[in-house]
Amino acid sequence: MVTPLESRRIVIAGASSLLGTELKSLLEESRFAASDFRLVDEETAAGTLTEAGGEAAVIQPVEEDSFSKAWTVFFAGSAAFTKTNLPLSKRSGARIIDLTGELAGQQGVNTWLSRSSERTPAQVPSSDKDAFAIPCASAEIITRLGLALDALHPSAISAIAFQPVSAAGRAGIEELETQTGQLLSFQPVGKQVFDAQVAYTMLDRFGESSRHLLSHSLEVLRREAKACLPTHINHVAIQLLHAPVFYGATVAVCAFLPSHVEAAIVAKLCKEAGFTLVDSETPPSNVSSAGEISLQLAAPSPDASVPSAFWFWAAADNLRLPASNAVKLAESLLG
């Protein structure tokens, strides 16, 4: 006899993406392992052979009935793909869980964080909500730091997030790998994806011909953080830079706090907000956070030249963390 959970159809839209692949893997390890999976993506990825639920599966292009009878639709491809196919998915009556940033901050969309501590606002999904946005790892780091420090009434908070090339998908990873080899061999570098040298280089923008714009990623990051933070926390300035690494989100934050605040108090508040504090011998990095769902944070460090300033350094897996949050949200929607 088929149980109600086994009969639930789950659609992963953008199934061939790095995030889609990670999401599918986690869903298959969760309470949804026996669900009816449907994998769809853009025309260029259609026909790709993969597996779902332990059986062979083929990624399909989006068609009129792609979302029919779906219980939940996860969007994990590009923001443009989400925007194009959102109306069709909504007609199915399915709940929408967006990991692409397209829905963040939109009216009627609940931007959702898992409650990892008492300092994270309780977010029990309402049964009348049908669209949810999962923030990226950098947005979650910035949000949780904002929530942690709110009790200390900071006068200002600024954050610089460093974006890996995996934000541009497999093509971005391949270009960084190729450029690294070309530079080590003293060859001219190819620039098909970013229209810029991304190997061994820090950038605040890509080339004019690049389809991947840091300015757009920054806009999404700011919208996600704003949607997650309470309205009275409106003093977080955010910048985004390219980092020449394959995976992992890293963020540097500076907060101006009252001069009497002690580092131990700040560290305690950060731990209560959901961070895992890491000792100085193994500081947080894109490597140390790989494969983890935790938010790694170095011990908060006072700025010796400005007594009221504290520095924070955090890292998280830019694929596994949001994918894990999306699965947790789906599980909570089961009721």
C-alpha atoms as a PDB file:
ATOM      1  CA  MET A   1       0.000   0.000   0.000  1.00  0.00           C
ATOM      2  CA  VAL A   2       1.343   3.421  -0.945  1.00  0.00           C
ATOM      3  CA  THR A   3       1.691   5.770   2.036  1.00  0.00           C
ATOM      4  CA  PRO A   4       0.761   9.469   1.778  1.00  0.00           C
ATOM      5  CA  LEU A   5       4.442  10.462   1.948  1.00  0.00           C
ATOM      6  CA  GLU A   6       5.468   8.045  -0.781  1.00  0.00           C
ATOM      7  CA  SER A   7       2.744   9.379  -3.045  1.00  0.00           C
ATOM      8  CA  ARG A   8       3.971  12.967  -2.803  1.00  0.00           C
ATOM      9  CA  ARG A   9       5.541  14.206  -6.022  1.00  0.00           C
ATOM     10  CA  ILE A  10       8.598  16.430  -5.655  1.00  0.00           C
ATOM     11  CA  VAL A  11       9.847  18.429  -8.630  1.00  0.00           C
ATOM     12  CA  ILE A  12      13.433  19.698  -8.692  1.00  0.00           C
ATOM     13  CA  ALA A  13      13.577  22.475 -11.274  1.00  0.00           C
ATOM     14  CA  GLY A  14      17.206  23.087 -12.184  1.00  0.00           C
ATOM     15  CA  ALA A  15      18.104  19.489 -11.343  1.00  0.00           C
ATOM     16  CA  SER A  16      21.391  19.478 -13.275  1.00  0.00           C
ATOM     17  CA  SER A  17      22.842  22.455 -11.402  1.00  0.00           C
ATOM     18  CA  LEU A  18      25.349  22.043  -8.584  1.00  0.00           C
ATOM     19  CA  LEU A  19      22.721  23.141  -6.076  1.00  0.00           C
ATOM     20  CA  GLY A  20      20.089  20.884  -7.649  1.00  0.00           C
ATOM     21  CA  THR A  21      22.411  17.897  -7.442  1.00  0.00           C
ATOM     22  CA  GLU A  22      23.184  18.619  -3.781  1.00  0.00           C
ATOM     23  CA  LEU A  23      19.499  19.083  -2.997  1.00  0.00           C
ATOM     24  CA  LYS A  24      18.526  15.791  -4.645  1.00  0.00           C
ATOM     25  CA  SER A  25      21.192  13.950  -2.673  1.00  0.00           C
ATOM     26  CA  LEU A  26      19.939  15.338   0.645  1.00  0.00           C
ATOM     27  CA  LEU A  27      16.293  14.673  -0.205  1.00  0.00           C
ATOM     28  CA  GLU A  28      17.165  11.042  -0.905  1.00  0.00           C
ATOM     29  CA  GLU A  29      18.714  10.807   2.577  1.00  0.00           C
ATOM     30  CA  SER A  30      15.683  12.381   4.257  1.00  0.00           C
ATOM     31  CA  ARG A  31      12.072  11.432   5.008  1.00  0.00           C
ATOM     32  CA  PHE A  32      11.384  12.053   1.305  1.00  0.00           C
ATOM     33  CA  ALA A  33      13.576   9.207   0.062  1.00  0.00           C
ATOM     34  CA  ALA A  34      10.577   7.220  -1.213  1.00  0.00           C
ATOM     35  CA  SER A  35       8.833  10.184  -2.836  1.00  0.00           C
ATOM     36  CA  ASP A  36       8.012  10.482  -6.528  1.00  0.00           C
ATOM     37  CA  PHE A  37      10.839  12.649  -7.923  1.00  0.00           C
ATOM     38  CA  ARG A  38      10.555  14.558 -11.178  1.00  0.00           C
ATOM     39  CA  LEU A  39      13.713  16.261 -12.507  1.00  0.00           C
ATOM     40  CA  VAL A  40      13.429  19.160 -14.962  1.00  0.00           C
ATOM     41  CA  ASP A  41      15.816  21.767 -16.288  1.00  0.00           C
ATOM     42  CA  GLU A  42      16.630  24.016 -19.211  1.00  0.00           C
ATOM     43  CA  GLU A  43      16.676  22.630 -22.748  1.00  0.00           C
ATOM     44  CA  THR A  44      20.477  22.419 -22.775  1.00  0.00           C
ATOM     45  CA  ALA A  45      20.421  19.979 -19.830  1.00  0.00           C
ATOM     46  CA  ALA A  46      17.425  17.932 -21.021  1.00  0.00           C
ATOM     47  CA  GLY A  47      18.233  14.293 -21.681  1.00  0.00           C
ATOM     48  CA  THR A  48      20.965  14.077 -19.054  1.00  0.00           C
ATOM     49  CA  LEU A  49      20.963  10.643 -17.452  1.00  0.00           C
ATOM     50  CA  THR A  50      21.067  10.629 -13.653  1.00  0.00           C
ATOM     51  CA  GLU A  51      19.317   8.761 -10.853  1.00  0.00           C
ATOM     52  CA  ALA A  52      16.570   9.554  -8.361  1.00  0.00           C
ATOM     53  CA  GLY A  53      15.325   7.420  -5.525  1.00  0.00           C
ATOM     54  CA  GLY A  54      17.848   4.724  -6.419  1.00  0.00           C
ATOM     55  CA  GLU A  55      16.562   4.362  -9.974  1.00  0.00           C
ATOM     56  CA  ALA A  56      17.758   5.681 -13.330  1.00  0.00           C
ATOM     57  CA  ALA A  57      16.185   9.002 -14.279  1.00  0.00           C
ATOM     58  CA  VAL A  58      16.418  11.422 -17.172  1.00  0.00           C
ATOM     59  CA  ILE A  59      16.282  15.181 -16.719  1.00  0.00           C
ATOM     60  CA  GLN A  60      13.366  16.502 -18.759  1.00  0.00           C
ATOM     61  CA  PRO A  61      12.692  19.912 -20.317  1.00  0.00           C
ATOM     62  CA  VAL A  62       9.863  21.939 -18.794  1.00  0.00           C
ATOM     63  CA  GLU A  63       6.542  21.121 -20.441  1.00  0.00           C
ATOM     64  CA  GLU A  64       2.922  22.011 -19.738  1.00  0.00           C
ATOM     65  CA  ASP A  65       2.460  19.116 -17.319  1.00  0.00           C
ATOM     66  CA  SER A  66       5.916  19.172 -15.692  1.00  0.00           C
ATOM     67  CA  PHE A  67       4.568  20.418 -12.366  1.00  0.00           C
ATOM     68  CA  SER A  68       1.217  18.626 -12.366  1.00  0.00           C
ATOM     69  CA  LYS A  69       0.291  16.784  -9.147  1.00  0.00           C
ATOM     70  CA  ALA A  70       3.413  18.161  -7.440  1.00  0.00           C
ATOM     71  CA  TRP A  71       3.374  18.602  -3.677  1.00  0.00           C
ATOM     72  CA  THR A  72       6.502  20.772  -3.622  1.00  0.00           C
ATOM     73  CA  VAL A  73       8.594  22.376  -6.355  1.00  0.00           C
ATOM     74  CA  PHE A  74      12.207  23.242  -5.547  1.00  0.00           C
ATOM     75  CA  PHE A  75      13.839  25.821  -7.826  1.00  0.00           C
ATOM     76  CA  ALA A  76      17.607  25.276  -7.786  1.00  0.00           C
ATOM     77  CA  GLY A  77      18.806  26.480 -11.203  1.00  0.00           C
ATOM     78  CA  SER A  78      19.262  30.049 -12.386  1.00  0.00           C
ATOM     79  CA  ALA A  79      17.132  32.966 -11.242  1.00  0.00           C
ATOM     80  CA  ALA A  80      16.039  33.498 -14.855  1.00  0.00           C
ATOM     81  CA  PHE A  81      14.860  29.870 -15.068  1.00  0.00           C
ATOM     82  CA  THR A  82      12.840  30.370 -11.881  1.00  0.00           C
ATOM     83  CA  LYS A  83      11.248  33.564 -13.170  1.00  0.00           C
ATOM     84  CA  THR A  84      10.281  31.947 -16.474  1.00  0.00           C
ATOM     85  CA  ASN A  85       8.699  28.833 -14.976  1.00  0.00           C
ATOM     86  CA  LEU A  86       7.213  30.203 -11.764  1.00  0.00           C
ATOM     87  CA  PRO A  87       3.724  30.908 -13.240  1.00  0.00           C
ATOM     88  CA  LEU A  88       3.428  27.357 -14.571  1.00  0.00           C
ATOM     89  CA  SER A  89       4.543  25.840 -11.277  1.00  0.00           C
ATOM     90  CA  LYS A  90       2.052  27.956  -9.331  1.00  0.00           C
ATOM     91  CA  ARG A  91      -0.822  26.698 -11.480  1.00  0.00           C
ATOM     92  CA  SER A  92      -0.143  23.207 -10.144  1.00  0.00           C
ATOM     93  CA  GLY A  93      -1.043  24.321  -6.629  1.00  0.00           C
ATOM     94  CA  ALA A  94       2.301  23.093  -5.303  1.00  0.00           C
ATOM     95  CA  ARG A  95       4.291  24.807  -2.609  1.00  0.00           C
ATOM     96  CA  ILE A  96       7.305  26.627  -4.040  1.00  0.00           C
ATOM     97  CA  ILE A  97      10.711  26.557  -2.348  1.00  0.00           C
ATOM     98  CA  ASP A  98      13.182  28.839  -4.132  1.00  0.00           C
ATOM     99  CA  LEU A  99      16.945  28.570  -3.638  1.00  0.00           C
ATOM    100  CA  THR A 100      17.904  30.859  -6.547  1.00  0.00           C
ATOM    101  CA  GLY A 101      17.259  34.265  -4.946  1.00  0.00           C
ATOM    102  CA  GLU A 102      14.568  35.185  -7.460  1.00  0.00           C
ATOM    103  CA  LEU A 103      11.735  35.279  -4.897  1.00  0.00           C
ATOM    104  CA  ALA A 104      13.634  36.803  -1.964  1.00  0.00           C
ATOM    105  CA  GLY A 105      11.919  39.897  -0.639  1.00  0.00           C
ATOM    106  CA  GLN A 106       8.869  39.565  -2.870  1.00  0.00           C
ATOM    107  CA  GLN A 107       5.442  40.199  -1.414  1.00  0.00           C
ATOM    108  CA  GLY A 108       3.756  37.029  -0.175  1.00  0.00           C
ATOM    109  CA  VAL A 109       7.038  35.095  -0.039  1.00  0.00           C
ATOM    110  CA  ASN A 110       8.366  33.876   3.281  1.00  0.00           C
ATOM    111  CA  THR A 111      12.175  34.061   3.394  1.00  0.00           C
ATOM    112  CA  TRP A 112      12.975  31.176   5.724  1.00  0.00           C
ATOM    113  CA  LEU A 113      15.797  30.384   8.143  1.00  0.00           C
ATOM    114  CA  SER A 114      15.959  27.226  10.229  1.00  0.00           C
ATOM    115  CA  ARG A 115      15.735  27.853  13.937  1.00  0.00           C
ATOM    116  CA  SER A 116      19.096  26.711  15.264  1.00  0.00           C
ATOM    117  CA  SER A 117      18.934  28.596  18.576  1.00  0.00           C
ATOM    118  CA  GLU A 118      16.810  30.759  20.808  1.00  0.00           C
ATOM    119  CA  ARG A 119      18.114  33.873  19.060  1.00  0.00           C
ATOM    120  CA  THR A 120      16.760  32.833  15.694  1.00  0.00           C
ATOM    121  CA  PRO A 121      13.134  33.949  15.331  1.00  0.00           C
ATOM    122  CA  ALA A 122      10.677  31.078  15.362  1.00  0.00           C
ATOM    123  CA  GLN A 123       9.592  30.387  11.794  1.00  0.00           C
ATOM    124  CA  VAL A 124       6.862  27.795  11.722  1.00  0.00           C
ATOM    125  CA  PRO A 125       5.675  27.660   8.112  1.00  0.00           C
ATOM    126  CA  SER A 126       2.058  28.716   7.841  1.00  0.00           C
ATOM    127  CA  SER A 127      -0.297  26.423   5.982  1.00  0.00           C
ATOM    128  CA  ASP A 128      -1.572  29.375   3.963  1.00  0.00           C
ATOM    129  CA  LYS A 129       1.874  30.153   2.556  1.00  0.00           C
ATOM    130  CA  ASP A 130       2.721  28.628  -0.804  1.00  0.00           C
ATOM    131  CA  ALA A 131       6.052  30.311  -1.640  1.00  0.00           C
ATOM    132  CA  PHE A 132       9.265  30.265   0.380  1.00  0.00           C
ATOM    133  CA  ALA A 133      12.764  31.583  -0.284  1.00  0.00           C
ATOM    134  CA  ILE A 134      15.903  29.991   1.160  1.00  0.00           C
ATOM    135  CA  PRO A 135      18.745  32.534   1.522  1.00  0.00           C
ATOM    136  CA  CYS A 136      22.246  31.784   0.297  1.00  0.00           C
ATOM    137  CA  ALA A 137      24.995  30.906   2.764  1.00  0.00           C
ATOM    138  CA  SER A 138      26.473  34.429   2.791  1.00  0.00           C
ATOM    139  CA  ALA A 139      23.065  35.966   3.495  1.00  0.00           C
ATOM    140  CA  GLU A 140      22.523  33.554   6.376  1.00  0.00           C
ATOM    141  CA  ILE A 141      25.915  34.434   7.880  1.00  0.00           C
ATOM    142  CA  ILE A 142      25.153  38.163   7.685  1.00  0.00           C
ATOM    143  CA  THR A 143      21.626  37.680   9.025  1.00  0.00           C
ATOM    144  CA  ARG A 144      22.660  35.595  12.011  1.00  0.00           C
ATOM    145  CA  LEU A 145      25.415  38.049  12.925  1.00  0.00           C
ATOM    146  CA  GLY A 146      22.909  40.895  12.716  1.00  0.00           C
ATOM    147  CA  LEU A 147      20.537  38.988  15.009  1.00  0.00           C
ATOM    148  CA  ALA A 148      23.351  38.080  17.419  1.00  0.00           C
ATOM    149  CA  LEU A 149      24.591  41.649  17.787  1.00  0.00           C
ATOM    150  CA  ASP A 150      21.183  43.311  17.935  1.00  0.00           C
ATOM    151  CA  ALA A 151      21.080  43.114  21.745  1.00  0.00           C
ATOM    152  CA  LEU A 152      24.287  45.182  21.881  1.00  0.00           C
ATOM    153  CA  HIS A 153      22.790  47.979  19.737  1.00  0.00           C
ATOM    154  CA  PRO A 154      25.622  48.354  17.201  1.00  0.00           C
ATOM    155  CA  SER A 155      25.880  51.758  15.572  1.00  0.00           C
ATOM    156  CA  ALA A 156      26.851  50.189  12.220  1.00  0.00           C
ATOM    157  CA  ILE A 157      27.612  46.810  10.630  1.00  0.00           C
ATOM    158  CA  SER A 158      29.398  46.276   7.317  1.00  0.00           C
ATOM    159  CA  ALA A 159      29.963  42.964   5.557  1.00  0.00           C
ATOM    160  CA  ILE A 160      32.105  41.848   2.627  1.00  0.00           C
ATOM    161  CA  ALA A 161      31.092  38.496   1.135  1.00  0.00           C
ATOM    162  CA  PHE A 162      33.463  36.545  -1.107  1.00  0.00           C
ATOM    163  CA  GLN A 163      31.828  34.587  -3.922  1.00  0.00           C
ATOM    164  CA  PRO A 164      33.358  31.355  -5.292  1.00  0.00           C
ATOM    165  CA  VAL A 165      33.166  30.452  -8.975  1.00  0.00           C
ATOM    166  CA  SER A 166      30.725  27.628  -8.208  1.00  0.00           C
ATOM    167  CA  ALA A 167      28.081  30.372  -8.018  1.00  0.00           C
ATOM    168  CA  ALA A 168      28.292  30.304 -11.813  1.00  0.00           C
ATOM    169  CA  GLY A 169      27.823  26.522 -11.946  1.00  0.00           C
ATOM    170  CA  ARG A 170      30.015  23.843 -13.471  1.00  0.00           C
ATOM    171  CA  ALA A 171      31.074  26.181 -16.282  1.00  0.00           C
ATOM    172  CA  GLY A 172      32.523  28.573 -13.719  1.00  0.00           C
ATOM    173  CA  ILE A 173      34.434  25.794 -11.998  1.00  0.00           C
ATOM    174  CA  GLU A 174      35.824  24.540 -15.279  1.00  0.00           C
ATOM    175  CA  GLU A 175      36.946  28.030 -16.304  1.00  0.00           C
ATOM    176  CA  LEU A 176      38.844  28.610 -13.041  1.00  0.00           C
ATOM    177  CA  GLU A 177      40.485  25.198 -13.389  1.00  0.00           C
ATOM    178  CA  THR A 178      41.424  25.862 -17.010  1.00  0.00           C
ATOM    179  CA  GLN A 179      42.731  29.367 -16.337  1.00  0.00           C
ATOM    180  CA  THR A 180      44.865  28.112 -13.445  1.00  0.00           C
ATOM    181  CA  GLY A 181      46.521  25.536 -15.691  1.00  0.00           C
ATOM    182  CA  GLN A 182      46.994  28.040 -18.520  1.00  0.00           C
ATOM    183  CA  LEU A 183      48.622  30.600 -16.256  1.00  0.00           C
ATOM    184  CA  LEU A 184      50.980  28.015 -14.767  1.00  0.00           C
ATOM    185  CA  SER A 185      51.940  27.055 -18.342  1.00  0.00           C
ATOM    186  CA  PHE A 186      52.402  30.718 -19.352  1.00  0.00           C
ATOM    187  CA  GLN A 187      49.532  30.514 -21.845  1.00  0.00           C
ATOM    188  CA  PRO A 188      46.834  33.116 -22.561  1.00  0.00           C
ATOM    189  CA  VAL A 189      43.744  32.456 -20.454  1.00  0.00           C
ATOM    190  CA  GLY A 190      40.314  31.674 -21.863  1.00  0.00           C
ATOM    191  CA  LYS A 191      37.503  33.952 -20.672  1.00  0.00           C
ATOM    192  CA  GLN A 192      34.343  32.398 -22.106  1.00  0.00           C
ATOM    193  CA  VAL A 193      32.349  32.427 -18.844  1.00  0.00           C
ATOM    194  CA  PHE A 194      33.501  35.475 -16.904  1.00  0.00           C
ATOM    195  CA  ASP A 195      35.173  37.562 -19.606  1.00  0.00           C
ATOM    196  CA  ALA A 196      37.933  38.181 -17.047  1.00  0.00           C
ATOM    197  CA  GLN A 197      40.849  36.452 -15.425  1.00  0.00           C
ATOM    198  CA  VAL A 198      39.335  34.861 -12.313  1.00  0.00           C
ATOM    199  CA  ALA A 199      42.322  32.683 -11.382  1.00  0.00           C
ATOM    200  CA  TYR A 200      44.654  34.261  -8.792  1.00  0.00           C
ATOM    201  CA  THR A 201      42.548  37.430  -8.960  1.00  0.00           C
ATOM    202  CA  MET A 202      40.203  39.310  -6.617  1.00  0.00           C
ATOM    203  CA  LEU A 203      37.520  41.272  -8.488  1.00  0.00           C
ATOM    204  CA  ASP A 204      34.555  43.522  -7.804  1.00  0.00           C
ATOM    205  CA  ARG A 205      33.117  42.852 -11.286  1.00  0.00           C
ATOM    206  CA  PHE A 206      33.509  40.528 -14.251  1.00  0.00           C
ATOM    207  CA  GLY A 207      34.042  41.474 -17.893  1.00  0.00           C
ATOM    208  CA  GLU A 208      31.385  43.294 -19.897  1.00  0.00           C
ATOM    209  CA  SER A 209      30.530  40.171 -21.915  1.00  0.00           C
ATOM    210  CA  SER A 210      30.057  37.920 -18.900  1.00  0.00           C
ATOM    211  CA  ARG A 211      26.574  36.492 -18.347  1.00  0.00           C
ATOM    212  CA  HIS A 212      27.304  36.340 -14.614  1.00  0.00           C
ATOM    213  CA  LEU A 213      27.166  39.759 -12.990  1.00  0.00           C
ATOM    214  CA  LEU A 214      28.527  40.357  -9.509  1.00  0.00           C
ATOM    215  CA  SER A 215      26.233  43.370  -9.324  1.00  0.00           C
ATOM    216  CA  HIS A 216      23.196  41.110  -9.735  1.00  0.00           C
ATOM    217  CA  SER A 217      24.508  38.645  -7.144  1.00  0.00           C
ATOM    218  CA  LEU A 218      25.059  41.569  -4.776  1.00  0.00           C
ATOM    219  CA  GLU A 219      21.511  42.800  -5.325  1.00  0.00           C
ATOM    220  CA  VAL A 220      20.146  39.344  -4.481  1.00  0.00           C
ATOM    221  CA  LEU A 221      22.382  39.067  -1.409  1.00  0.00           C
ATOM    222  CA  ARG A 222      21.154  42.420  -0.098  1.00  0.00           C
ATOM    223  CA  ARG A 223      17.505  41.469  -0.719  1.00  0.00           C
ATOM    224  CA  GLU A 224      17.917  38.147   1.059  1.00  0.00           C
ATOM    225  CA  ALA A 225      19.554  39.703   4.117  1.00  0.00           C
ATOM    226  CA  LYS A 226      16.946  42.456   4.289  1.00  0.00           C
ATOM    227  CA  ALA A 227      14.113  39.931   4.026  1.00  0.00           C
ATOM    228  CA  CYS A 228      15.561  37.827   6.866  1.00  0.00           C
ATOM    229  CA  LEU A 229      16.350  40.632   9.300  1.00  0.00           C
ATOM    230  CA  PRO A 230      13.736  42.358  11.465  1.00  0.00           C
ATOM    231  CA  THR A 231      12.775  45.784  10.144  1.00  0.00           C
ATOM    232  CA  HIS A 232      14.517  47.632  12.981  1.00  0.00           C
ATOM    233  CA  ILE A 233      17.896  46.175  11.929  1.00  0.00           C
ATOM    234  CA  ASN A 234      18.528  48.340   8.885  1.00  0.00           C
ATOM    235  CA  HIS A 235      22.157  49.360   9.271  1.00  0.00           C
ATOM    236  CA  VAL A 236      23.986  46.489   7.535  1.00  0.00           C
ATOM    237  CA  ALA A 237      26.073  47.608   4.551  1.00  0.00           C
ATOM    238  CA  ILE A 238      26.985  44.747   2.203  1.00  0.00           C
ATOM    239  CA  GLN A 239      29.570  44.356  -0.556  1.00  0.00           C
ATOM    240  CA  LEU A 240      30.361  41.292  -2.697  1.00  0.00           C
ATOM    241  CA  LEU A 241      33.710  40.351  -4.240  1.00  0.00           C
ATOM    242  CA  HIS A 242      34.894  37.489  -6.431  1.00  0.00           C
ATOM    243  CA  ALA A 243      37.306  35.107  -4.722  1.00  0.00           C
ATOM    244  CA  PRO A 244      39.472  32.773  -6.868  1.00  0.00           C
ATOM    245  CA  VAL A 245      38.241  29.598  -5.151  1.00  0.00           C
ATOM    246  CA  PHE A 246      36.001  26.779  -6.343  1.00  0.00           C
ATOM    247  CA  TYR A 247      33.575  26.334  -3.443  1.00  0.00           C
ATOM    248  CA  GLY A 248      32.586  27.871  -0.121  1.00  0.00           C
ATOM    249  CA  ALA A 249      31.121  31.154   1.070  1.00  0.00           C
ATOM    250  CA  THR A 250      33.295  33.336   3.287  1.00  0.00           C
ATOM    251  CA  VAL A 251      32.306  36.640   4.864  1.00  0.00           C
ATOM    252  CA  ALA A 252      34.219  39.360   6.749  1.00  0.00           C
ATOM    253  CA  VAL A 253      32.094  41.577   8.992  1.00  0.00           C
ATOM    254  CA  CYS A 254      32.923  44.690  10.992  1.00  0.00           C
ATOM    255  CA  ALA A 255      30.519  45.865  13.704  1.00  0.00           C
ATOM    256  CA  PHE A 256      30.769  49.038  15.772  1.00  0.00           C
ATOM    257  CA  LEU A 257      29.656  48.180  19.301  1.00  0.00           C
ATOM    258  CA  PRO A 258      29.571  50.057  22.609  1.00  0.00           C
ATOM    259  CA  SER A 259      33.106  50.482  23.940  1.00  0.00           C
ATOM    260  CA  HIS A 260      32.466  48.540  27.163  1.00  0.00           C
ATOM    261  CA  VAL A 261      31.481  45.296  25.419  1.00  0.00           C
ATOM    262  CA  GLU A 262      33.788  42.341  26.089  1.00  0.00           C
ATOM    263  CA  ALA A 263      34.817  39.815  23.443  1.00  0.00           C
ATOM    264  CA  ALA A 264      33.532  36.907  25.556  1.00  0.00           C
ATOM    265  CA  ILE A 265      30.015  38.398  25.589  1.00  0.00           C
ATOM    266  CA  VAL A 266      30.095  38.903  21.829  1.00  0.00           C
ATOM    267  CA  ALA A 267      31.253  35.312  21.284  1.00  0.00           C
ATOM    268  CA  LYS A 268      28.464  33.988  23.522  1.00  0.00           C
ATOM    269  CA  LEU A 269      25.814  35.891  21.555  1.00  0.00           C
ATOM    270  CA  CYS A 270      27.194  34.546  18.271  1.00  0.00           C
ATOM    271  CA  LYS A 271      27.093  30.978  19.559  1.00  0.00           C
ATOM    272  CA  GLU A 272      23.497  31.457  20.679  1.00  0.00           C
ATOM    273  CA  ALA A 273      22.647  32.722  17.183  1.00  0.00           C
ATOM    274  CA  GLY A 274      23.706  29.436  15.613  1.00  0.00           C
ATOM    275  CA  PHE A 275      27.427  29.792  14.878  1.00  0.00           C
ATOM    276  CA  THR A 276      30.026  27.141  15.597  1.00  0.00           C
ATOM    277  CA  LEU A 277      33.034  28.933  17.059  1.00  0.00           C
ATOM    278  CA  VAL A 278      36.311  27.606  15.677  1.00  0.00           C
ATOM    279  CA  ASP A 279      39.659  27.832  17.471  1.00  0.00           C
ATOM    280  CA  SER A 280      42.537  29.812  16.008  1.00  0.00           C
ATOM    281  CA  GLU A 281      44.543  26.707  15.081  1.00  0.00           C
ATOM    282  CA  THR A 282      42.006  25.710  12.416  1.00  0.00           C
ATOM    283  CA  PRO A 283      40.340  28.972  11.339  1.00  0.00           C
ATOM    284  CA  PRO A 284      37.155  28.918   9.240  1.00  0.00           C
ATOM    285  CA  SER A 285      37.705  28.689   5.504  1.00  0.00           C
ATOM    286  CA  ASN A 286      36.045  27.503   2.331  1.00  0.00           C
ATOM    287  CA  VAL A 287      37.982  24.242   2.805  1.00  0.00           C
ATOM    288  CA  SER A 288      37.110  23.631   6.470  1.00  0.00           C
ATOM    289  CA  SER A 289      33.408  24.249   5.817  1.00  0.00           C
ATOM    290  CA  ALA A 290      33.157  21.908   2.793  1.00  0.00           C
ATOM    291  CA  GLY A 291      30.501  19.257   3.287  1.00  0.00           C
ATOM    292  CA  GLU A 292      29.274  20.826   6.533  1.00  0.00           C
ATOM    293  CA  ILE A 293      25.923  22.415   7.345  1.00  0.00           C
ATOM    294  CA  SER A 294      27.320  24.486  10.202  1.00  0.00           C
ATOM    295  CA  LEU A 295      28.179  28.181  10.133  1.00  0.00           C
ATOM    296  CA  GLN A 296      31.818  28.390  11.180  1.00  0.00           C
ATOM    297  CA  LEU A 297      32.986  31.538  12.961  1.00  0.00           C
ATOM    298  CA  ALA A 298      36.394  32.602  14.224  1.00  0.00           C
ATOM    299  CA  ALA A 299      36.532  34.174  17.673  1.00  0.00           C
ATOM    300  CA  PRO A 300      35.311  37.802  17.441  1.00  0.00           C
ATOM    301  CA  SER A 301      38.334  40.091  17.391  1.00  0.00           C
ATOM    302  CA  PRO A 302      38.430  43.686  18.681  1.00  0.00           C
ATOM    303  CA  ASP A 303      40.084  46.209  16.376  1.00  0.00           C
ATOM    304  CA  ALA A 304      43.158  47.549  18.189  1.00  0.00           C
ATOM    305  CA  SER A 305      42.992  50.894  16.386  1.00  0.00           C
ATOM    306  CA  VAL A 306      39.262  51.518  16.876  1.00  0.00           C
ATOM    307  CA  PRO A 307      38.151  50.417  20.363  1.00  0.00           C
ATOM    308  CA  SER A 308      34.458  50.169  19.433  1.00  0.00           C
ATOM    309  CA  ALA A 309      34.998  47.959  16.369  1.00  0.00           C
ATOM    310  CA  PHE A 310      34.858  44.149  16.269  1.00  0.00           C
ATOM    311  CA  TRP A 311      35.847  41.936  13.344  1.00  0.00           C
ATOM    312  CA  PHE A 312      34.191  38.651  12.431  1.00  0.00           C
ATOM    313  CA  TRP A 313      35.313  35.968   9.964  1.00  0.00           C
ATOM    314  CA  ALA A 314      32.863  33.220   8.959  1.00  0.00           C
ATOM    315  CA  ALA A 315      32.594  30.421   6.416  1.00  0.00           C
ATOM    316  CA  ALA A 316      29.943  27.980   5.194  1.00  0.00           C
ATOM    317  CA  ASP A 317      29.370  25.490   2.392  1.00  0.00           C
ATOM    318  CA  ASN A 318      27.593  27.528  -0.296  1.00  0.00           C
ATOM    319  CA  LEU A 319      25.787  24.455  -1.680  1.00  0.00           C
ATOM    320  CA  ARG A 320      25.140  22.104   1.220  1.00  0.00           C
ATOM    321  CA  LEU A 321      23.890  24.724   3.710  1.00  0.00           C
ATOM    322  CA  PRO A 322      21.005  26.155   1.630  1.00  0.00           C
ATOM    323  CA  ALA A 323      20.118  22.686   0.299  1.00  0.00           C
ATOM    324  CA  SER A 324      19.944  21.364   3.858  1.00  0.00           C
ATOM    325  CA  ASN A 325      17.775  24.302   4.913  1.00  0.00           C
ATOM    326  CA  ALA A 326      15.409  23.627   2.008  1.00  0.00           C
ATOM    327  CA  VAL A 327      14.998  19.995   3.105  1.00  0.00           C
ATOM    328  CA  LYS A 328      14.374  21.078   6.724  1.00  0.00           C
ATOM    329  CA  LEU A 329      11.713  23.489   5.513  1.00  0.00           C
ATOM    330  CA  ALA A 330      10.024  20.789   3.429  1.00  0.00           C
ATOM    331  CA  GLU A 331      10.031  18.440   6.423  1.00  0.00           C
ATOM    332  CA  SER A 332       8.437  21.102   8.617  1.00  0.00           C
ATOM    333  CA  LEU A 333       5.723  21.620   5.978  1.00  0.00           C
ATOM    334  CA  LEU A 334       4.675  18.004   6.444  1.00  0.00           C
ATOM    335  CA  GLY A 335       3.192  19.031   9.785  1.00  0.00           C
END
